[in-house]
N, C-alpha and C. Protein backbone atom coordinates (compact mmCIF):
# COMPACT_ATOMS: atom_id res chain seq x y z
N UNK A 1 6.17 22.42 -2.57
CA UNK A 1 7.75 22.53 -3.19
C UNK A 1 8.84 22.39 -1.67
N UNK A 2 8.49 22.98 -1.31
CA UNK A 2 9.74 23.08 0.34
C UNK A 2 9.38 21.53 0.29
N UNK A 3 8.41 21.28 0.84
CA UNK A 3 8.32 20.12 1.52
C UNK A 3 8.39 19.26 0.93
N UNK A 4 8.98 18.92 -0.38
CA UNK A 4 9.39 17.95 -1.02
C UNK A 4 11.41 18.06 -0.85
N UNK A 5 11.60 19.16 -1.49
CA UNK A 5 12.88 18.99 -0.97
C UNK A 5 13.49 18.95 0.64
N UNK A 6 12.25 19.69 1.44
CA UNK A 6 13.08 18.82 3.13
C UNK A 6 13.05 17.65 3.29
N UNK A 7 11.71 17.49 2.56
CA UNK A 7 11.52 15.44 2.62
C UNK A 7 13.10 14.44 1.55
N UNK A 8 12.86 15.20 0.58
CA UNK A 8 14.56 14.85 -0.15
C UNK A 8 15.51 14.92 0.73
N UNK A 9 15.71 15.66 1.59
CA UNK A 9 17.09 16.47 2.34
C UNK A 9 16.84 15.06 3.31
N UNK A 10 15.32 15.59 4.23
CA UNK A 10 16.03 14.22 5.33
C UNK A 10 15.87 12.73 5.33
N UNK A 11 15.84 12.65 3.64
CA UNK A 11 16.09 10.81 3.13
C UNK A 11 17.29 10.53 3.00
N UNK A 12 17.99 11.77 2.54
CA UNK A 12 19.38 11.65 2.48
C UNK A 12 20.27 11.54 3.30
N UNK A 13 19.78 12.26 4.25
CA UNK A 13 20.83 12.34 5.87
C UNK A 13 20.29 11.11 6.45
N UNK A 14 19.08 10.69 6.45
CA UNK A 14 19.13 9.35 7.24
C UNK A 14 19.72 8.60 6.10
N UNK A 15 19.66 7.98 4.78
CA UNK A 15 20.81 7.25 4.12
C UNK A 15 21.72 7.76 5.14
N UNK A 16 22.40 8.21 4.62
CA UNK A 16 23.93 8.61 5.36
C UNK A 16 24.13 8.00 6.77
N UNK A 17 23.43 8.58 7.45
CA UNK A 17 23.63 8.13 8.91
C UNK A 17 23.80 6.87 9.58
N UNK A 18 22.49 6.07 8.66
CA UNK A 18 21.90 5.01 9.56
C UNK A 18 22.43 3.97 7.71
N UNK A 19 23.62 3.95 7.41
CA UNK A 19 22.76 3.03 6.42
C UNK A 19 22.69 1.64 6.57
N UNK A 20 21.77 1.10 5.43
CA UNK A 20 21.25 0.00 5.36
C UNK A 20 21.68 -1.21 4.90
N UNK A 21 21.68 -2.53 5.24
CA UNK A 21 22.01 -2.91 3.84
C UNK A 21 21.68 -4.59 4.11
N UNK A 22 20.86 -4.73 2.84
CA UNK A 22 20.42 -6.04 2.81
C UNK A 22 20.99 -7.19 2.00
N UNK A 23 20.27 -8.68 2.34
CA UNK A 23 20.35 -9.76 1.96
C UNK A 23 21.09 -9.31 0.78
N UNK A 24 22.13 -10.15 0.09
CA UNK A 24 21.87 -10.39 -1.38
C UNK A 24 20.66 -10.65 -2.43
N UNK A 25 20.17 -12.09 -1.92
CA UNK A 25 19.21 -12.51 -2.08
C UNK A 25 18.08 -12.26 -2.44
N UNK A 26 17.71 -10.81 -1.66
CA UNK A 26 16.58 -9.88 -1.60
C UNK A 26 16.47 -8.76 -2.47
N UNK A 27 18.22 -8.97 -3.85
CA UNK A 27 18.24 -7.94 -4.21
C UNK A 27 16.91 -8.00 -6.17
N UNK A 28 16.19 -9.13 -6.21
CA UNK A 28 15.36 -9.00 -7.60
C UNK A 28 14.01 -8.02 -6.78
N UNK A 29 13.95 -8.18 -4.81
CA UNK A 29 13.12 -7.75 -4.98
C UNK A 29 12.61 -6.43 -4.64
N UNK A 30 14.51 -5.97 -4.32
CA UNK A 30 14.26 -4.60 -3.58
C UNK A 30 14.30 -4.35 -5.30
N UNK A 31 14.78 -4.33 -5.66
CA UNK A 31 15.37 -3.58 -7.02
C UNK A 31 13.96 -2.82 -7.71
N UNK A 32 12.61 -4.38 -7.76
CA UNK A 32 11.41 -4.61 -8.69
C UNK A 32 10.74 -3.47 -7.39
N UNK A 33 10.72 -3.63 -6.25
CA UNK A 33 9.93 -2.40 -5.19
C UNK A 33 10.84 -0.75 -5.63
N UNK A 34 11.48 -0.90 -5.82
CA UNK A 34 12.16 0.12 -5.64
C UNK A 34 12.24 1.45 -7.53
N UNK A 35 11.54 0.19 -8.46
CA UNK A 35 10.98 0.82 -9.62
C UNK A 35 9.92 1.33 -10.04
N UNK A 36 9.11 0.06 -8.31
CA UNK A 36 8.14 0.79 -8.56
C UNK A 36 7.03 1.67 -7.77
N UNK A 37 8.47 1.90 -6.69
CA UNK A 37 8.56 3.44 -6.19
C UNK A 37 8.88 4.83 -6.85
N UNK A 38 9.59 4.16 -7.53
CA UNK A 38 9.91 4.94 -8.60
C UNK A 38 9.18 5.94 -10.47
N UNK A 39 8.26 4.41 -10.42
CA UNK A 39 7.35 5.00 -10.72
C UNK A 39 5.76 6.02 -9.77
N UNK A 40 5.61 5.82 -9.25
CA UNK A 40 4.99 6.76 -7.98
C UNK A 40 5.54 7.63 -7.95
N UNK A 41 6.43 8.63 -7.62
CA UNK A 41 7.41 9.73 -7.45
C UNK A 41 7.10 10.80 -9.33
N UNK A 42 7.58 9.36 -10.27
CA UNK A 42 6.91 10.19 -11.22
C UNK A 42 5.73 10.52 -11.43
N UNK A 43 4.66 10.31 -10.68
CA UNK A 43 3.26 9.85 -11.18
C UNK A 43 3.29 11.71 -10.06
N UNK A 44 3.34 11.13 -9.17
CA UNK A 44 3.62 12.43 -7.68
C UNK A 44 2.94 13.45 -8.84
N UNK A 45 4.97 13.96 -9.32
CA UNK A 45 5.61 14.96 -9.76
C UNK A 45 4.56 15.45 -10.78
N UNK A 46 3.81 14.36 -11.73
CA UNK A 46 2.98 14.78 -12.56
C UNK A 46 1.90 15.44 -12.09
N UNK A 47 1.34 14.27 -11.04
CA UNK A 47 -0.31 15.34 -10.87
C UNK A 47 0.83 16.20 -10.49
N UNK A 48 1.51 16.51 -9.18
CA UNK A 48 1.87 18.25 -8.99
C UNK A 48 1.91 19.29 -10.25
N UNK A 49 2.14 18.19 -11.58
CA UNK A 49 2.48 19.53 -12.71
C UNK A 49 0.58 19.91 -12.72
N UNK A 50 0.70 18.90 -13.16
CA UNK A 50 -1.19 19.31 -13.26
C UNK A 50 -2.16 19.64 -12.20
N UNK A 51 -1.42 19.85 -11.25
CA UNK A 51 -1.72 20.66 -10.26
C UNK A 51 -3.22 19.67 -9.40
N UNK A 52 -3.23 18.04 -9.34
CA UNK A 52 -3.91 16.87 -9.37
C UNK A 52 -3.91 15.91 -8.18
N UNK A 53 -2.41 16.89 -7.94
CA UNK A 53 -1.72 15.99 -6.91
C UNK A 53 -2.59 16.09 -5.72
N UNK A 54 -2.89 14.54 -5.00
CA UNK A 54 -3.80 14.27 -3.44
C UNK A 54 -2.23 13.23 -2.78
N UNK A 55 -1.69 13.37 -1.50
CA UNK A 55 -0.64 12.77 -0.59
C UNK A 55 -1.93 11.77 -0.12
N UNK A 56 -2.80 11.64 -0.40
CA UNK A 56 -3.58 10.21 0.41
C UNK A 56 -2.96 9.40 -0.95
N UNK A 57 -3.06 9.60 -2.34
CA UNK A 57 -3.48 8.81 -3.53
C UNK A 57 -1.72 8.48 -3.66
N UNK A 58 -1.33 9.94 -3.31
CA UNK A 58 0.50 9.11 -3.73
C UNK A 58 0.93 8.21 -2.17
N UNK A 59 1.19 7.99 -1.58
CA UNK A 59 1.15 7.69 -0.69
C UNK A 59 1.03 5.59 -0.70
N UNK A 60 -0.26 5.59 -0.92
CA UNK A 60 -1.43 4.46 -1.00
C UNK A 60 -0.21 4.08 -2.24
N UNK A 61 0.05 5.07 -3.03
CA UNK A 61 0.00 4.12 -4.70
C UNK A 61 1.40 3.78 -4.34
N UNK A 62 2.90 4.87 -3.36
CA UNK A 62 3.73 4.38 -3.71
C UNK A 62 4.13 3.37 -2.38
N UNK A 63 2.95 2.89 -1.51
CA UNK A 63 3.05 2.04 -0.72
C UNK A 63 2.96 0.47 -1.50
N UNK A 64 1.51 1.32 -1.62
CA UNK A 64 1.48 -0.42 -2.59
C UNK A 64 1.67 -1.25 -3.38
N UNK A 65 2.61 -0.40 -4.50
CA UNK A 65 2.80 -0.70 -5.78
C UNK A 65 4.23 -1.16 -5.12
N UNK A 66 5.06 -0.65 -4.29
CA UNK A 66 6.41 -1.21 -4.33
C UNK A 66 5.85 -2.84 -3.03
N UNK A 67 4.70 -2.68 -2.68
CA UNK A 67 4.22 -3.88 -2.13
C UNK A 67 3.72 -5.63 -3.18
N UNK A 68 3.40 -4.82 -4.23
CA UNK A 68 2.62 -5.39 -5.28
C UNK A 68 4.11 -6.11 -6.07
N UNK A 69 4.24 -5.46 -6.07
CA UNK A 69 5.64 -5.55 -7.12
C UNK A 69 7.30 -6.45 -6.28
N UNK A 70 7.51 -6.16 -4.95
CA UNK A 70 7.83 -7.39 -4.52
C UNK A 70 7.20 -8.47 -3.97
N UNK A 71 5.71 -8.33 -4.09
CA UNK A 71 4.90 -9.51 -3.68
C UNK A 71 4.96 -10.85 -5.33
N UNK A 72 4.81 -9.95 -6.38
CA UNK A 72 4.96 -10.72 -7.20
C UNK A 72 6.33 -10.88 -7.90
N UNK A 73 7.26 -10.59 -7.47
CA UNK A 73 8.11 -11.22 -7.27
C UNK A 73 9.22 -12.06 -6.54
N UNK A 74 8.19 -12.03 -5.71
CA UNK A 74 8.61 -13.34 -4.52
C UNK A 74 7.53 -14.59 -5.04
N UNK A 75 6.87 -14.12 -5.53
CA UNK A 75 5.71 -15.06 -5.69
C UNK A 75 6.19 -16.21 -7.22
N UNK A 76 6.80 -15.60 -7.86
CA UNK A 76 6.68 -15.73 -9.21
C UNK A 76 8.10 -16.33 -9.14
N UNK A 77 9.39 -16.21 -7.81
CA UNK A 77 10.18 -16.94 -7.36
C UNK A 77 10.19 -18.15 -7.12
N UNK A 78 9.01 -18.46 -5.88
CA UNK A 78 8.69 -19.31 -5.82
C UNK A 78 8.37 -20.27 -6.69
N UNK A 79 7.05 -20.19 -7.35
CA UNK A 79 6.87 -21.27 -9.11
C UNK A 79 7.90 -21.09 -9.74
N UNK A 80 8.86 -20.44 -9.82
CA UNK A 80 9.73 -20.98 -10.89
C UNK A 80 9.08 -20.56 -12.13
N UNK A 81 8.40 -18.91 -11.78
CA UNK A 81 8.23 -18.66 -13.45
C UNK A 81 8.89 -16.91 -13.02
N UNK A 82 9.45 -16.39 -14.14
CA UNK A 82 9.98 -14.75 -14.24
C UNK A 82 8.63 -13.72 -14.03
N UNK A 83 7.45 -13.37 -12.29
CA UNK A 83 6.80 -12.78 -13.01
C UNK A 83 7.22 -11.79 -12.33
N UNK A 84 7.98 -11.31 -11.89
CA UNK A 84 8.66 -10.67 -11.42
C UNK A 84 8.81 -9.43 -12.93
N UNK A 85 9.28 -9.78 -14.25
CA UNK A 85 8.85 -9.47 -15.63
C UNK A 85 8.15 -8.47 -15.86
N UNK A 86 6.36 -8.45 -15.42
CA UNK A 86 5.09 -8.35 -15.52
C UNK A 86 5.48 -6.72 -14.84
N UNK A 87 5.87 -6.74 -13.98
CA UNK A 87 5.94 -5.94 -13.13
C UNK A 87 7.87 -4.34 -13.34
N UNK A 88 8.36 -5.52 -13.83
CA UNK A 88 9.38 -4.52 -14.62
C UNK A 88 8.71 -3.73 -16.27
N UNK A 89 7.67 -4.43 -16.53
CA UNK A 89 7.03 -3.99 -17.55
C UNK A 89 6.52 -2.82 -17.76
N UNK A 90 5.48 -3.39 -17.01
CA UNK A 90 4.29 -2.09 -16.67
C UNK A 90 4.46 -1.29 -15.76
N UNK A 91 5.42 -1.15 -14.46
CA UNK A 91 6.43 -0.01 -13.73
C UNK A 91 7.19 0.56 -14.70
N UNK A 92 8.03 0.43 -15.55
CA UNK A 92 8.53 0.52 -16.21
C UNK A 92 8.14 1.37 -17.65
N UNK A 93 7.99 1.10 -18.15
CA UNK A 93 6.35 1.56 -18.88
C UNK A 93 5.80 3.06 -18.42
N UNK A 94 5.21 3.17 -17.36
CA UNK A 94 4.93 3.78 -16.79
C UNK A 94 5.77 4.78 -16.41
N UNK A 95 6.82 4.77 -15.93
CA UNK A 95 7.60 5.95 -15.90
C UNK A 95 8.50 6.55 -16.98
N UNK A 96 8.08 5.56 -18.13
CA UNK A 96 9.05 6.79 -19.41
C UNK A 96 7.22 7.77 -20.25
N UNK A 97 6.58 6.65 -19.38
CA UNK A 97 4.76 7.80 -19.85
C UNK A 97 4.94 8.98 -19.23
N UNK A 98 5.13 9.04 -17.64
CA UNK A 98 5.40 10.00 -17.10
C UNK A 98 6.28 11.11 -17.10
N UNK A 99 7.87 10.08 -17.41
CA UNK A 99 8.49 11.75 -17.39
C UNK A 99 8.29 12.15 -19.01
N UNK A 100 7.37 11.57 -19.92
CA UNK A 100 7.40 12.28 -21.12
C UNK A 100 6.33 13.30 -21.03
N UNK A 101 4.89 12.76 -20.09
CA UNK A 101 4.48 13.46 -19.46
C UNK A 101 5.05 15.07 -19.10
N UNK A 102 6.36 14.62 -17.90
CA UNK A 102 6.54 16.26 -17.51
C UNK A 102 7.47 16.92 -18.44
N UNK A 103 7.87 16.27 -18.73
CA UNK A 103 8.52 17.11 -19.79
C UNK A 103 7.89 17.72 -20.84
N UNK A 104 6.95 16.98 -21.38
CA UNK A 104 6.06 18.24 -21.68
C UNK A 104 5.23 19.09 -21.33
N UNK A 105 5.09 19.36 -19.79
CA UNK A 105 4.56 19.90 -19.33
C UNK A 105 4.82 20.86 -19.50
N UNK A 106 6.34 20.82 -18.67
CA UNK A 106 7.44 21.47 -18.15
C UNK A 106 8.69 22.54 -19.82
N UNK A 107 7.90 22.32 -21.02
CA UNK A 107 8.59 22.29 -21.88
C UNK A 107 8.06 23.54 -22.56
N UNK A 108 5.95 23.01 -22.63
CA UNK A 108 5.29 24.03 -22.97
C UNK A 108 4.58 25.29 -22.03
N UNK A 109 5.09 25.44 -20.86
CA UNK A 109 5.62 26.41 -19.65
C UNK A 109 6.00 26.96 -20.12
N UNK A 110 7.25 27.11 -20.75
CA UNK A 110 8.00 27.79 -21.01
C UNK A 110 7.55 28.44 -22.28
N UNK A 111 6.91 28.44 -23.51
CA UNK A 111 6.75 28.90 -25.07
C UNK A 111 5.73 30.31 -24.58
């Protein structure tokens, strides 16, 4: 838990000290990639609460999901087909599912 808080603090500090901007043409790709990353984070929190967390799986899923989601959005943009909807639906569904399971784990531990 301490390592996670240190990582969050370092990320926030880097974000404030080295502001990064991107071209607005990439907004769709970045937003879908962020959604995929959020899915991985909630999955990691859930796995940690279930004592099943594996850092290798988390890191590979975090990077892999973000790249796959951005790639789907890119390919769909080039083909003129909104393939990013598939990523939004999948990662959004998993995000809410993981959040519900995290909530159940936390509330069941308090009883």
